[in-house]
C-alpha atoms as a PDB file:
ATOM      1  CA  UNK A   1      33.995  -1.612 -20.296  1.00  0.00           C
ATOM      2  CA  UNK A   2      31.074  -2.935 -18.441  1.00  0.00           C
ATOM      3  CA  UNK A   3      32.315  -2.426 -15.057  1.00  0.00           C
ATOM      4  CA  UNK A   4      32.901   1.091 -15.737  1.00  0.00           C
ATOM      5  CA  UNK A   5      29.193   1.578 -16.792  1.00  0.00           C
ATOM      6  CA  UNK A   6      27.645  -0.396 -13.876  1.00  0.00           C
ATOM      7  CA  UNK A   7      30.057   1.777 -12.049  1.00  0.00           C
ATOM      8  CA  UNK A   8      28.866   4.985 -13.624  1.00  0.00           C
ATOM      9  CA  UNK A   9      25.337   3.910 -13.374  1.00  0.00           C
ATOM     10  CA  UNK A  10      25.702   3.512  -9.614  1.00  0.00           C
ATOM     11  CA  UNK A  11      27.405   6.991  -8.956  1.00  0.00           C
ATOM     12  CA  UNK A  12      24.789   8.140 -10.956  1.00  0.00           C
ATOM     13  CA  UNK A  13      22.055   6.553  -8.558  1.00  0.00           C
ATOM     14  CA  UNK A  14      23.862   7.712  -5.427  1.00  0.00           C
ATOM     15  CA  UNK A  15      23.981  11.524  -6.750  1.00  0.00           C
ATOM     16  CA  UNK A  16      21.521  13.448  -5.389  1.00  0.00           C
ATOM     17  CA  UNK A  17      20.126  15.964  -8.012  1.00  0.00           C
ATOM     18  CA  UNK A  18      18.562  18.472  -4.949  1.00  0.00           C
ATOM     19  CA  UNK A  19      21.919  18.201  -3.292  1.00  0.00           C
ATOM     20  CA  UNK A  20      23.669  18.943  -6.472  1.00  0.00           C
ATOM     21  CA  UNK A  21      21.032  21.835  -7.123  1.00  0.00           C
ATOM     22  CA  UNK A  22      21.856  23.250  -3.843  1.00  0.00           C
ATOM     23  CA  UNK A  23      25.895  22.986  -4.729  1.00  0.00           C
ATOM     24  CA  UNK A  24      25.681  24.261  -8.048  1.00  0.00           C
ATOM     25  CA  UNK A  25      23.463  27.191  -6.857  1.00  0.00           C
ATOM     26  CA  UNK A  26      25.915  28.711  -4.216  1.00  0.00           C
ATOM     27  CA  UNK A  27      28.931  27.907  -6.949  1.00  0.00           C
ATOM     28  CA  UNK A  28      27.357  29.905  -9.459  1.00  0.00           C
ATOM     29  CA  UNK A  29      26.178  32.686  -6.649  1.00  0.00           C
ATOM     30  CA  UNK A  30      29.603  32.831  -5.608  1.00  0.00           C
ATOM     31  CA  UNK A  31      30.908  33.467  -9.242  1.00  0.00           C
ATOM     32  CA  UNK A  32      28.427  35.874  -9.914  1.00  0.00           C
ATOM     33  CA  UNK A  33      27.830  37.760  -6.818  1.00  0.00           C
ATOM     34  CA  UNK A  34      30.304  36.862  -3.882  1.00  0.00           C
ATOM     35  CA  UNK A  35      28.618  39.105  -1.062  1.00  0.00           C
ATOM     36  CA  UNK A  36      25.744  37.728  -1.995  1.00  0.00           C
ATOM     37  CA  UNK A  37      26.376  34.063  -1.544  1.00  0.00           C
ATOM     38  CA  UNK A  38      27.875  34.676   1.893  1.00  0.00           C
ATOM     39  CA  UNK A  39      24.697  36.645   2.592  1.00  0.00           C
ATOM     40  CA  UNK A  40      22.629  33.357   1.412  1.00  0.00           C
ATOM     41  CA  UNK A  41      24.917  30.765   3.232  1.00  0.00           C
ATOM     42  CA  UNK A  42      24.116  32.833   6.375  1.00  0.00           C
ATOM     43  CA  UNK A  43      20.160  33.055   6.402  1.00  0.00           C
ATOM     44  CA  UNK A  44      20.191  29.507   5.186  1.00  0.00           C
ATOM     45  CA  UNK A  45      22.386  28.463   8.246  1.00  0.00           C
ATOM     46  CA  UNK A  46      20.616  30.728  10.316  1.00  0.00           C
ATOM     47  CA  UNK A  47      17.410  29.536   9.276  1.00  0.00           C
ATOM     48  CA  UNK A  48      18.094  25.780   9.843  1.00  0.00           C
ATOM     49  CA  UNK A  49      19.519  26.502  13.376  1.00  0.00           C
ATOM     50  CA  UNK A  50      16.285  28.133  13.964  1.00  0.00           C
ATOM     51  CA  UNK A  51      14.121  25.468  12.577  1.00  0.00           C
ATOM     52  CA  UNK A  52      16.147  22.828  13.977  1.00  0.00           C
ATOM     53  CA  UNK A  53      13.835  22.217  17.068  1.00  0.00           C
ATOM     54  CA  UNK A  54      11.059  21.525  15.053  1.00  0.00           C
ATOM     55  CA  UNK A  55      12.842  19.698  12.420  1.00  0.00           C
ATOM     56  CA  UNK A  56      13.853  17.197  15.032  1.00  0.00           C
ATOM     57  CA  UNK A  57      10.425  16.590  16.571  1.00  0.00           C
ATOM     58  CA  UNK A  58       8.811  15.962  13.161  1.00  0.00           C
ATOM     59  CA  UNK A  59      11.581  13.473  12.310  1.00  0.00           C
ATOM     60  CA  UNK A  60      11.029  11.584  15.532  1.00  0.00           C
ATOM     61  CA  UNK A  61       7.379  11.211  15.087  1.00  0.00           C
ATOM     62  CA  UNK A  62       7.405  10.029  11.773  1.00  0.00           C
ATOM     63  CA  UNK A  63      10.386   7.459  12.811  1.00  0.00           C
ATOM     64  CA  UNK A  64       7.947   6.511  15.841  1.00  0.00           C
ATOM     65  CA  UNK A  65       5.062   5.537  13.798  1.00  0.00           C
ATOM     66  CA  UNK A  66       6.958   3.703  11.142  1.00  0.00           C
ATOM     67  CA  UNK A  67       9.069   1.749  13.790  1.00  0.00           C
ATOM     68  CA  UNK A  68       6.265   0.796  15.778  1.00  0.00           C
ATOM     69  CA  UNK A  69       3.568  -0.063  13.118  1.00  0.00           C
ATOM     70  CA  UNK A  70       1.206   2.490  13.886  1.00  0.00           C
ATOM     71  CA  UNK A  71       0.844   4.189   9.819  1.00  0.00           C
ATOM     72  CA  UNK A  72      -0.655   0.669   9.278  1.00  0.00           C
ATOM     73  CA  UNK A  73      -3.622   1.764  11.440  1.00  0.00           C
ATOM     74  CA  UNK A  74      -4.828   3.586   7.824  1.00  0.00           C
ATOM     75  CA  UNK A  75      -6.155   0.466   7.008  1.00  0.00           C
ATOM     76  CA  UNK A  76      -9.107   0.717   9.789  1.00  0.00           C
ATOM     77  CA  UNK A  77     -10.431   4.129   8.058  1.00  0.00           C
ATOM     78  CA  UNK A  78     -11.791   2.625   5.072  1.00  0.00           C
ATOM     79  CA  UNK A  79     -14.214  -0.057   6.573  1.00  0.00           C
ATOM     80  CA  UNK A  80     -18.402   0.721   7.042  1.00  0.00           C
ATOM     81  CA  UNK A  81     -20.363   2.836   5.166  1.00  0.00           C
ATOM     82  CA  UNK A  82     -19.570   5.194   2.142  1.00  0.00           C
ATOM     83  CA  UNK A  83     -20.495   8.613   4.136  1.00  0.00           C
ATOM     84  CA  UNK A  84     -18.705   7.264   7.844  1.00  0.00           C
ATOM     85  CA  UNK A  85     -15.641   6.117   5.031  1.00  0.00           C
ATOM     86  CA  UNK A  86     -15.174   9.298   3.579  1.00  0.00           C
ATOM     87  CA  UNK A  87     -15.237  11.318   6.976  1.00  0.00           C
ATOM     88  CA  UNK A  88     -12.880   8.556   8.273  1.00  0.00           C
ATOM     89  CA  UNK A  89     -10.625   8.800   5.433  1.00  0.00           C
ATOM     90  CA  UNK A  90     -10.404  12.660   5.230  1.00  0.00           C
ATOM     91  CA  UNK A  91      -9.091  12.721   8.911  1.00  0.00           C
ATOM     92  CA  UNK A  92      -6.701  10.258   9.038  1.00  0.00           C
ATOM     93  CA  UNK A  93      -5.592  11.232   5.555  1.00  0.00           C
ATOM     94  CA  UNK A  94      -4.679  14.831   7.349  1.00  0.00           C
ATOM     95  CA  UNK A  95      -3.346  13.222  10.183  1.00  0.00           C
ATOM     96  CA  UNK A  96      -1.292  10.406   8.776  1.00  0.00           C
ATOM     97  CA  UNK A  97       2.464  10.464   8.853  1.00  0.00           C
ATOM     98  CA  UNK A  98       2.587   9.410   5.076  1.00  0.00           C
ATOM     99  CA  UNK A  99       4.290  11.422   2.601  1.00  0.00           C
ATOM    100  CA  UNK A 100       3.207  12.075  -0.844  1.00  0.00           C
ATOM    101  CA  UNK A 101       4.785   9.434  -2.501  1.00  0.00           C
ATOM    102  CA  UNK A 102       4.122   7.044  -0.094  1.00  0.00           C
ATOM    103  CA  UNK A 103       0.127   7.794  -0.603  1.00  0.00           C
ATOM    104  CA  UNK A 104       0.249   6.488  -4.602  1.00  0.00           C
ATOM    105  CA  UNK A 105       1.277   3.003  -3.718  1.00  0.00           C
ATOM    106  CA  UNK A 106      -1.814   2.863  -1.015  1.00  0.00           C
ATOM    107  CA  UNK A 107      -4.321   4.026  -3.469  1.00  0.00           C
ATOM    108  CA  UNK A 108      -3.279   1.930  -6.200  1.00  0.00           C
ATOM    109  CA  UNK A 109      -3.695  -1.130  -3.538  1.00  0.00           C
ATOM    110  CA  UNK A 110      -7.059   0.335  -1.762  1.00  0.00           C
ATOM    111  CA  UNK A 111      -8.236   0.725  -5.458  1.00  0.00           C
ATOM    112  CA  UNK A 112      -7.402  -2.651  -6.429  1.00  0.00           C
ATOM    113  CA  UNK A 113      -8.824  -3.684  -3.492  1.00  0.00           C
ATOM    114  CA  UNK A 114     -12.454  -2.870  -4.384  1.00  0.00           C
ATOM    115  CA  UNK A 115     -12.403   0.108  -1.820  1.00  0.00           C
ATOM    116  CA  UNK A 116     -14.820   2.930  -3.162  1.00  0.00           C
ATOM    117  CA  UNK A 117     -13.527   5.828  -4.918  1.00  0.00           C
ATOM    118  CA  UNK A 118     -14.998   8.773  -2.662  1.00  0.00           C
ATOM    119  CA  UNK A 119     -13.348   7.706   0.817  1.00  0.00           C
ATOM    120  CA  UNK A 120      -9.802   7.053  -1.484  1.00  0.00           C
ATOM    121  CA  UNK A 121     -10.298  10.244  -3.202  1.00  0.00           C
ATOM    122  CA  UNK A 122     -10.984  12.022   0.460  1.00  0.00           C
ATOM    123  CA  UNK A 123      -7.542  10.206   1.427  1.00  0.00           C
ATOM    124  CA  UNK A 124      -5.720  11.177  -1.427  1.00  0.00           C
ATOM    125  CA  UNK A 125      -6.508  15.026  -1.370  1.00  0.00           C
ATOM    126  CA  UNK A 126      -5.713  15.208   2.439  1.00  0.00           C
ATOM    127  CA  UNK A 127      -2.823  13.117   3.352  1.00  0.00           C
ATOM    128  CA  UNK A 128      -0.670  15.525   1.039  1.00  0.00           C
ATOM    129  CA  UNK A 129      -1.552  18.702   2.767  1.00  0.00           C
ATOM    130  CA  UNK A 130      -0.913  17.971   6.282  1.00  0.00           C
ATOM    131  CA  UNK A 131       0.465  15.006   8.374  1.00  0.00           C
ATOM    132  CA  UNK A 132       2.260  15.436  12.136  1.00  0.00           C
ATOM    133  CA  UNK A 133       5.271  16.405  10.645  1.00  0.00           C
ATOM    134  CA  UNK A 134       4.054  19.069   8.462  1.00  0.00           C
ATOM    135  CA  UNK A 135       2.117  20.544  11.632  1.00  0.00           C
ATOM    136  CA  UNK A 136       5.126  20.787  13.783  1.00  0.00           C
ATOM    137  CA  UNK A 137       7.015  22.631  10.750  1.00  0.00           C
ATOM    138  CA  UNK A 138       4.312  24.683   9.694  1.00  0.00           C
ATOM    139  CA  UNK A 139       3.765  25.989  13.346  1.00  0.00           C
ATOM    140  CA  UNK A 140       7.231  26.333  13.477  1.00  0.00           C
ATOM    141  CA  UNK A 141       7.640  28.548  10.396  1.00  0.00           C
ATOM    142  CA  UNK A 142       3.956  30.201  10.062  1.00  0.00           C
ATOM    143  CA  UNK A 143       2.458  30.294  13.520  1.00  0.00           C
ATOM    144  CA  UNK A 144       0.466  27.990  15.393  1.00  0.00           C
ATOM    145  CA  UNK A 145      -2.879  29.295  14.080  1.00  0.00           C
ATOM    146  CA  UNK A 146      -1.680  29.011  10.667  1.00  0.00           C
ATOM    147  CA  UNK A 147      -1.016  25.148  11.378  1.00  0.00           C
ATOM    148  CA  UNK A 148      -4.375  24.766  12.823  1.00  0.00           C
ATOM    149  CA  UNK A 149      -6.377  26.355  10.122  1.00  0.00           C
ATOM    150  CA  UNK A 150      -4.379  24.152   7.618  1.00  0.00           C
ATOM    151  CA  UNK A 151      -5.160  20.845   9.289  1.00  0.00           C
ATOM    152  CA  UNK A 152      -8.771  22.280   9.142  1.00  0.00           C
ATOM    153  CA  UNK A 153      -8.518  22.673   5.421  1.00  0.00           C
ATOM    154  CA  UNK A 154      -6.694  19.716   4.865  1.00  0.00           C
ATOM    155  CA  UNK A 155      -9.733  17.431   6.215  1.00  0.00           C
ATOM    156  CA  UNK A 156     -12.439  20.081   4.487  1.00  0.00           C
ATOM    157  CA  UNK A 157     -10.699  19.435   0.925  1.00  0.00           C
ATOM    158  CA  UNK A 158     -11.006  15.498   1.442  1.00  0.00           C
ATOM    159  CA  UNK A 159     -14.394  15.848   2.726  1.00  0.00           C
ATOM    160  CA  UNK A 160     -14.845  18.047  -0.512  1.00  0.00           C
ATOM    161  CA  UNK A 161     -13.434  15.377  -2.825  1.00  0.00           C
ATOM    162  CA  UNK A 162     -14.949  12.795  -1.268  1.00  0.00           C
ATOM    163  CA  UNK A 163     -18.341  13.734  -1.046  1.00  0.00           C
ATOM    164  CA  UNK A 164     -18.469  15.402  -4.485  1.00  0.00           C
ATOM    165  CA  UNK A 165     -17.098  12.182  -5.760  1.00  0.00           C
ATOM    166  CA  UNK A 166     -19.731  10.162  -4.037  1.00  0.00           C
ATOM    167  CA  UNK A 167     -22.159  12.657  -5.880  1.00  0.00           C
ATOM    168  CA  UNK A 168     -20.471  12.446  -9.013  1.00  0.00           C
ATOM    169  CA  UNK A 169     -20.809   8.369  -9.041  1.00  0.00           C
ATOM    170  CA  UNK A 170     -24.368   8.401  -8.761  1.00  0.00           C
ATOM    171  CA  UNK A 171     -24.466  10.105 -11.570  1.00  0.00           C
ATOM    172  CA  UNK A 172     -22.163   7.107 -13.383  1.00  0.00           C
ATOM    173  CA  UNK A 173     -19.119   8.921 -13.016  1.00  0.00           C
ATOM    174  CA  UNK A 174     -15.658   6.699 -12.251  1.00  0.00           C
ATOM    175  CA  UNK A 175     -17.376   3.097 -12.995  1.00  0.00           C
ATOM    176  CA  UNK A 176     -13.135   2.273 -13.790  1.00  0.00           C
ATOM    177  CA  UNK A 177     -11.104   5.087 -11.950  1.00  0.00           C
ATOM    178  CA  UNK A 178      -7.434   3.063 -12.661  1.00  0.00           C
ATOM    179  CA  UNK A 179      -5.656   3.082 -15.577  1.00  0.00           C
ATOM    180  CA  UNK A 180      -5.194  -0.386 -17.416  1.00  0.00           C
ATOM    181  CA  UNK A 181      -2.090  -2.248 -15.987  1.00  0.00           C
ATOM    182  CA  UNK A 182      -1.986  -0.492 -12.738  1.00  0.00           C
ATOM    183  CA  UNK A 183      -1.186  -3.111 -10.084  1.00  0.00           C
ATOM    184  CA  UNK A 184      -1.641  -2.719  -6.364  1.00  0.00           C
ATOM    185  CA  UNK A 185       1.905  -3.308  -5.398  1.00  0.00           C
ATOM    186  CA  UNK A 186       4.260  -1.404  -3.203  1.00  0.00           C
ATOM    187  CA  UNK A 187       5.462  -1.190   0.348  1.00  0.00           C
ATOM    188  CA  UNK A 188       2.239   0.877   0.758  1.00  0.00           C
ATOM    189  CA  UNK A 189      -0.278  -1.918  -0.521  1.00  0.00           C
ATOM    190  CA  UNK A 190       1.515  -4.385   1.777  1.00  0.00           C
ATOM    191  CA  UNK A 191       0.353  -2.030   4.677  1.00  0.00           C
ATOM    192  CA  UNK A 192      -3.503  -2.133   3.589  1.00  0.00           C
ATOM    193  CA  UNK A 193      -3.422  -5.320   3.029  1.00  0.00           C
ATOM    194  CA  UNK A 194      -2.058  -7.175   5.831  1.00  0.00           C
ATOM    195  CA  UNK A 195      -2.050  -5.062   8.784  1.00  0.00           C
ATOM    196  CA  UNK A 196      -0.018  -5.946  11.678  1.00  0.00           C
ATOM    197  CA  UNK A 197      -0.898  -5.126  15.936  1.00  0.00           C
ATOM    198  CA  UNK A 198       0.953  -1.920  16.616  1.00  0.00           C
ATOM    199  CA  UNK A 199       3.708  -2.093  18.798  1.00  0.00           C
ATOM    200  CA  UNK A 200       4.236   1.368  20.824  1.00  0.00           C
ATOM    201  CA  UNK A 201       7.253  -0.307  23.160  1.00  0.00           C
ATOM    202  CA  UNK A 202       9.339  -0.424  19.732  1.00  0.00           C
ATOM    203  CA  UNK A 203      12.383   0.133  21.308  1.00  0.00           C
ATOM    204  CA  UNK A 204      12.371  -3.386  22.649  1.00  0.00           C
ATOM    205  CA  UNK A 205      12.749  -5.027  19.432  1.00  0.00           C
ATOM    206  CA  UNK A 206      16.241  -4.933  17.735  1.00  0.00           C
ATOM    207  CA  UNK A 207      14.396  -5.092  14.324  1.00  0.00           C
ATOM    208  CA  UNK A 208      12.256  -1.932  15.143  1.00  0.00           C
ATOM    209  CA  UNK A 209      14.826   0.059  16.418  1.00  0.00           C
ATOM    210  CA  UNK A 210      16.891  -0.258  13.215  1.00  0.00           C
ATOM    211  CA  UNK A 211      13.521   0.688  11.133  1.00  0.00           C
ATOM    212  CA  UNK A 212      13.529   4.035  13.790  1.00  0.00           C
ATOM    213  CA  UNK A 213      16.945   4.482  13.168  1.00  0.00           C
ATOM    214  CA  UNK A 214      16.876   4.123   9.217  1.00  0.00           C
ATOM    215  CA  UNK A 215      13.522   6.055   9.077  1.00  0.00           C
ATOM    216  CA  UNK A 216      15.026   8.561  10.832  1.00  0.00           C
ATOM    217  CA  UNK A 217      18.188   9.124   8.816  1.00  0.00           C
ATOM    218  CA  UNK A 218      16.410   9.355   5.616  1.00  0.00           C
ATOM    219  CA  UNK A 219      13.830  11.719   6.872  1.00  0.00           C
ATOM    220  CA  UNK A 220      16.723  14.084   8.401  1.00  0.00           C
ATOM    221  CA  UNK A 221      18.601  13.669   4.969  1.00  0.00           C
ATOM    222  CA  UNK A 222      14.826  14.507   2.958  1.00  0.00           C
ATOM    223  CA  UNK A 223      13.726  17.199   5.074  1.00  0.00           C
ATOM    224  CA  UNK A 224      17.232  18.678   5.655  1.00  0.00           C
ATOM    225  CA  UNK A 225      18.171  19.080   2.069  1.00  0.00           C
ATOM    226  CA  UNK A 226      14.447  20.450   1.009  1.00  0.00           C
ATOM    227  CA  UNK A 227      14.843  22.972   4.005  1.00  0.00           C
ATOM    228  CA  UNK A 228      18.128  23.919   2.930  1.00  0.00           C
ATOM    229  CA  UNK A 229      17.288  25.029  -0.689  1.00  0.00           C
ATOM    230  CA  UNK A 230      14.413  26.494   0.148  1.00  0.00           C
ATOM    231  CA  UNK A 231      15.807  28.794   2.486  1.00  0.00           C
ATOM    232  CA  UNK A 232      18.479  29.570  -0.062  1.00  0.00           C
ATOM    233  CA  UNK A 233      15.448  30.243  -2.692  1.00  0.00           C
ATOM    234  CA  UNK A 234      14.222  32.421   0.106  1.00  0.00           C
ATOM    235  CA  UNK A 235      17.470  34.252   0.624  1.00  0.00           C
ATOM    236  CA  UNK A 236      17.302  35.067  -3.104  1.00  0.00           C
ATOM    237  CA  UNK A 237      14.212  36.091  -3.216  1.00  0.00           C
ATOM    238  CA  UNK A 238      14.479  38.206  -0.346  1.00  0.00           C
ATOM    239  CA  UNK A 239      17.291  39.945  -1.904  1.00  0.00           C
ATOM    240  CA  UNK A 240      16.193  40.417  -5.547  1.00  0.00           C
ATOM    241  CA  UNK A 241      12.481  40.444  -5.197  1.00  0.00           C
ATOM    242  CA  UNK A 242      11.245  43.889  -4.100  1.00  0.00           C
ATOM    243  CA  UNK A 243       8.506  44.012  -1.522  1.00  0.00           C
ATOM    244  CA  UNK A 244       6.793  46.562  -3.486  1.00  0.00           C
ATOM    245  CA  UNK A 245       6.685  43.996  -6.449  1.00  0.00           C
ATOM    246  CA  UNK A 246       5.242  41.292  -4.120  1.00  0.00           C
ATOM    247  CA  UNK A 247       2.743  43.461  -2.373  1.00  0.00           C
ATOM    248  CA  UNK A 248       1.397  44.805  -6.022  1.00  0.00           C
ATOM    249  CA  UNK A 249       0.833  41.355  -7.806  1.00  0.00           C
ATOM    250  CA  UNK A 250      -0.246  39.287  -4.617  1.00  0.00           C
ATOM    251  CA  UNK A 251      -0.248  41.524  -1.843  1.00  0.00           C
ATOM    252  CA  UNK A 252      -3.654  42.750  -0.137  1.00  0.00           C
ATOM    253  CA  UNK A 253      -6.663  40.778   0.688  1.00  0.00           C
ATOM    254  CA  UNK A 254      -9.224  40.571  -2.502  1.00  0.00           C
ATOM    255  CA  UNK A 255     -10.230  37.373  -3.698  1.00  0.00           C
ATOM    256  CA  UNK A 256      -8.172  37.732  -6.972  1.00  0.00           C
ATOM    257  CA  UNK A 257      -5.129  37.850  -5.000  1.00  0.00           C
ATOM    258  CA  UNK A 258      -6.209  34.256  -3.755  1.00  0.00           C
ATOM    259  CA  UNK A 259      -7.009  33.070  -7.011  1.00  0.00           C
ATOM    260  CA  UNK A 260      -4.090  34.158  -8.347  1.00  0.00           C
ATOM    261  CA  UNK A 261      -1.731  32.520  -5.430  1.00  0.00           C
ATOM    262  CA  UNK A 262      -4.267  29.145  -5.971  1.00  0.00           C
ATOM    263  CA  UNK A 263      -2.966  29.567  -9.801  1.00  0.00           C
ATOM    264  CA  UNK A 264       0.568  30.091  -8.895  1.00  0.00           C
ATOM    265  CA  UNK A 265       0.590  27.356  -6.532  1.00  0.00           C
ATOM    266  CA  UNK A 266       0.666  24.280  -8.826  1.00  0.00           C
ATOM    267  CA  UNK A 267       3.984  25.410 -11.079  1.00  0.00           C
ATOM    268  CA  UNK A 268       5.503  26.965  -8.522  1.00  0.00           C
ATOM    269  CA  UNK A 269       5.473  24.733  -5.592  1.00  0.00           C
ATOM    270  CA  UNK A 270       9.024  22.756  -5.119  1.00  0.00           C
ATOM    271  CA  UNK A 271       7.470  20.500  -2.316  1.00  0.00           C
ATOM    272  CA  UNK A 272       5.372  20.349   1.524  1.00  0.00           C
ATOM    273  CA  UNK A 273       7.953  21.186   3.840  1.00  0.00           C
ATOM    274  CA  UNK A 274      10.217  23.644   1.438  1.00  0.00           C
ATOM    275  CA  UNK A 275       7.326  25.781   0.318  1.00  0.00           C
ATOM    276  CA  UNK A 276       6.994  26.941   4.490  1.00  0.00           C
ATOM    277  CA  UNK A 277       9.947  29.291   4.582  1.00  0.00           C
ATOM    278  CA  UNK A 278       8.951  30.759   0.872  1.00  0.00           C
ATOM    279  CA  UNK A 279       5.621  31.468   1.755  1.00  0.00           C
ATOM    280  CA  UNK A 280       7.138  32.998   5.320  1.00  0.00           C
ATOM    281  CA  UNK A 281       9.503  35.139   3.232  1.00  0.00           C
ATOM    282  CA  UNK A 282       6.034  36.201   0.870  1.00  0.00           C
ATOM    283  CA  UNK A 283       3.905  36.705   3.596  1.00  0.00           C
ATOM    284  CA  UNK A 284       6.671  38.826   5.111  1.00  0.00           C
ATOM    285  CA  UNK A 285       7.007  41.255   1.671  1.00  0.00           C
ATOM    286  CA  UNK A 286       3.080  41.767   1.890  1.00  0.00           C
ATOM    287  CA  UNK A 287       1.092  38.617   0.702  1.00  0.00           C
ATOM    288  CA  UNK A 288      -2.052  37.969   2.340  1.00  0.00           C
ATOM    289  CA  UNK A 289      -2.202  35.041   4.638  1.00  0.00           C
ATOM    290  CA  UNK A 290      -5.216  33.747   2.508  1.00  0.00           C
ATOM    291  CA  UNK A 291      -3.170  33.692  -0.491  1.00  0.00           C
ATOM    292  CA  UNK A 292      -0.237  31.922   1.527  1.00  0.00           C
ATOM    293  CA  UNK A 293      -2.824  29.321   2.411  1.00  0.00           C
ATOM    294  CA  UNK A 294      -4.350  28.828  -0.909  1.00  0.00           C
ATOM    295  CA  UNK A 295      -0.803  28.679  -2.369  1.00  0.00           C
ATOM    296  CA  UNK A 296      -0.046  25.909  -0.137  1.00  0.00           C
ATOM    297  CA  UNK A 297      -3.024  24.094  -0.142  1.00  0.00           C
ATOM    298  CA  UNK A 298      -3.524  24.009  -4.200  1.00  0.00           C
ATOM    299  CA  UNK A 299       0.410  23.400  -4.541  1.00  0.00           C
ATOM    300  CA  UNK A 300       0.233  20.433  -2.080  1.00  0.00           C
ATOM    301  CA  UNK A 301      -2.550  18.988  -3.797  1.00  0.00           C
ATOM    302  CA  UNK A 302      -1.533  19.432  -7.869  1.00  0.00           C
ATOM    303  CA  UNK A 303       1.804  20.246  -7.866  1.00  0.00           C
ATOM    304  CA  UNK A 304       3.423  19.072 -11.262  1.00  0.00           C
ATOM    305  CA  UNK A 305       4.956  16.200  -9.586  1.00  0.00           C
ATOM    306  CA  UNK A 306       2.507  15.065  -7.967  1.00  0.00           C
ATOM    307  CA  UNK A 307      -0.164  15.806 -10.782  1.00  0.00           C
ATOM    308  CA  UNK A 308       2.229  13.286 -13.005  1.00  0.00           C
ATOM    309  CA  UNK A 309       1.800  10.933 -10.268  1.00  0.00           C
ATOM    310  CA  UNK A 310      -2.009  10.879 -10.341  1.00  0.00           C
ATOM    311  CA  UNK A 311      -1.872  11.177 -14.204  1.00  0.00           C
ATOM    312  CA  UNK A 312       0.172   7.837 -14.409  1.00  0.00           C
ATOM    313  CA  UNK A 313      -2.131   5.633 -11.856  1.00  0.00           C
ATOM    314  CA  UNK A 314      -5.538   7.101 -12.407  1.00  0.00           C
ATOM    315  CA  UNK A 315      -7.660   7.643 -15.841  1.00  0.00           C
ATOM    316  CA  UNK A 316      -8.305  11.047 -16.865  1.00  0.00           C
ATOM    317  CA  UNK A 317     -11.815  11.696 -15.126  1.00  0.00           C
ATOM    318  CA  UNK A 318     -10.452  11.173 -11.774  1.00  0.00           C
ATOM    319  CA  UNK A 319      -7.498  13.198 -12.639  1.00  0.00           C
ATOM    320  CA  UNK A 320      -9.456  15.975 -13.904  1.00  0.00           C
ATOM    321  CA  UNK A 321     -11.822  15.168 -10.886  1.00  0.00           C
ATOM    322  CA  UNK A 322      -8.813  15.488  -8.510  1.00  0.00           C
ATOM    323  CA  UNK A 323      -7.640  18.755 -10.173  1.00  0.00           C
ATOM    324  CA  UNK A 324     -10.954  20.763 -10.141  1.00  0.00           C
ATOM    325  CA  UNK A 325     -11.554  19.497  -5.960  1.00  0.00           C
ATOM    326  CA  UNK A 326      -7.957  20.722  -5.543  1.00  0.00           C
ATOM    327  CA  UNK A 327      -8.354  23.773  -6.997  1.00  0.00           C
ATOM    328  CA  UNK A 328     -11.967  24.616  -5.740  1.00  0.00           C
ATOM    329  CA  UNK A 329     -10.875  23.630  -1.869  1.00  0.00           C
ATOM    330  CA  UNK A 330      -7.425  25.554  -2.315  1.00  0.00           C
ATOM    331  CA  UNK A 331      -9.564  28.996  -3.582  1.00  0.00           C
ATOM    332  CA  UNK A 332     -12.415  28.500  -0.736  1.00  0.00           C
ATOM    333  CA  UNK A 333     -10.298  27.686   2.210  1.00  0.00           C
ATOM    334  CA  UNK A 334      -8.072  30.508   1.409  1.00  0.00           C
ATOM    335  CA  UNK A 335     -10.768  32.675   0.785  1.00  0.00           C
ATOM    336  CA  UNK A 336     -12.179  32.148   3.928  1.00  0.00           C
ATOM    337  CA  UNK A 337      -9.017  32.205   5.934  1.00  0.00           C
ATOM    338  CA  UNK A 338      -9.324  35.796   7.189  1.00  0.00           C
ATOM    339  CA  UNK A 339     -12.971  35.063   8.646  1.00  0.00           C
ATOM    340  CA  UNK A 340     -12.484  31.476  10.124  1.00  0.00           C
ATOM    341  CA  UNK A 341      -8.646  31.816  11.531  1.00  0.00           C
END
């Protein structure tokens, strides 16, 4: 009986819920609407092939950063005066190869090490919004100008949060940012605490070559499954959501449209990569690009999974400030998109 329980647990751990959801979605669609199932499959495969070059480049960038140790350069951003630290943290956060899940242990480690909250908040806000992989995929799905503006927006949101937190702390806020019992463990914490020299020629080291292979495979699975389910959902949206309905609800260029996209971005957001083709489909159906930008910014920082992780790590005043900076930044930069882009 014990062996059966262990085997069942191991099988459950190996089952990927995203892949299962995708397969179940296709199966249900095949039963209810066989013609649309075939069309969605064709759409998904064609879309994956179309973005494959950008996908492979993004995977190579992330794997090289991990194998060479370039991701450890993040530790150098948290030195010097607080204003300079905020600026450096926002820039590094927007350009670093860390995924949203990898940011959490790093933030815990930085705060436990005594790094001031303002630069940590700047990094925390900027990091989920943009990284080299995200830039390449954003350029491939929404255009280079959109990707460049989103990079600028990631830095701007980080600076807003960092300097905003600095101003609040001068008034006595955030004396104890972490929840009781939160440690500084995790692989991200070790990266910050013990930075090592970068070995750019990592292919000469068998261990680093294996690290590159493992990271590339993991990223291929991660990005591939999320993009697949995103393109599947996009095919359903294009098939069943009338363009005039989208245009009426979130189309146009008014500030209320951007406000609505900012509010909707939190619960509707799936994943930084999965949201790209979905926003592309919405823009094709009439969504204003500024609203699409606000949706990506708001959702990237404050999606429900990310918000839950932040809530588990930080005390409620920090959590509220985190959401507040994300909302104000997304709304402001979405409104400014037609002017600055």
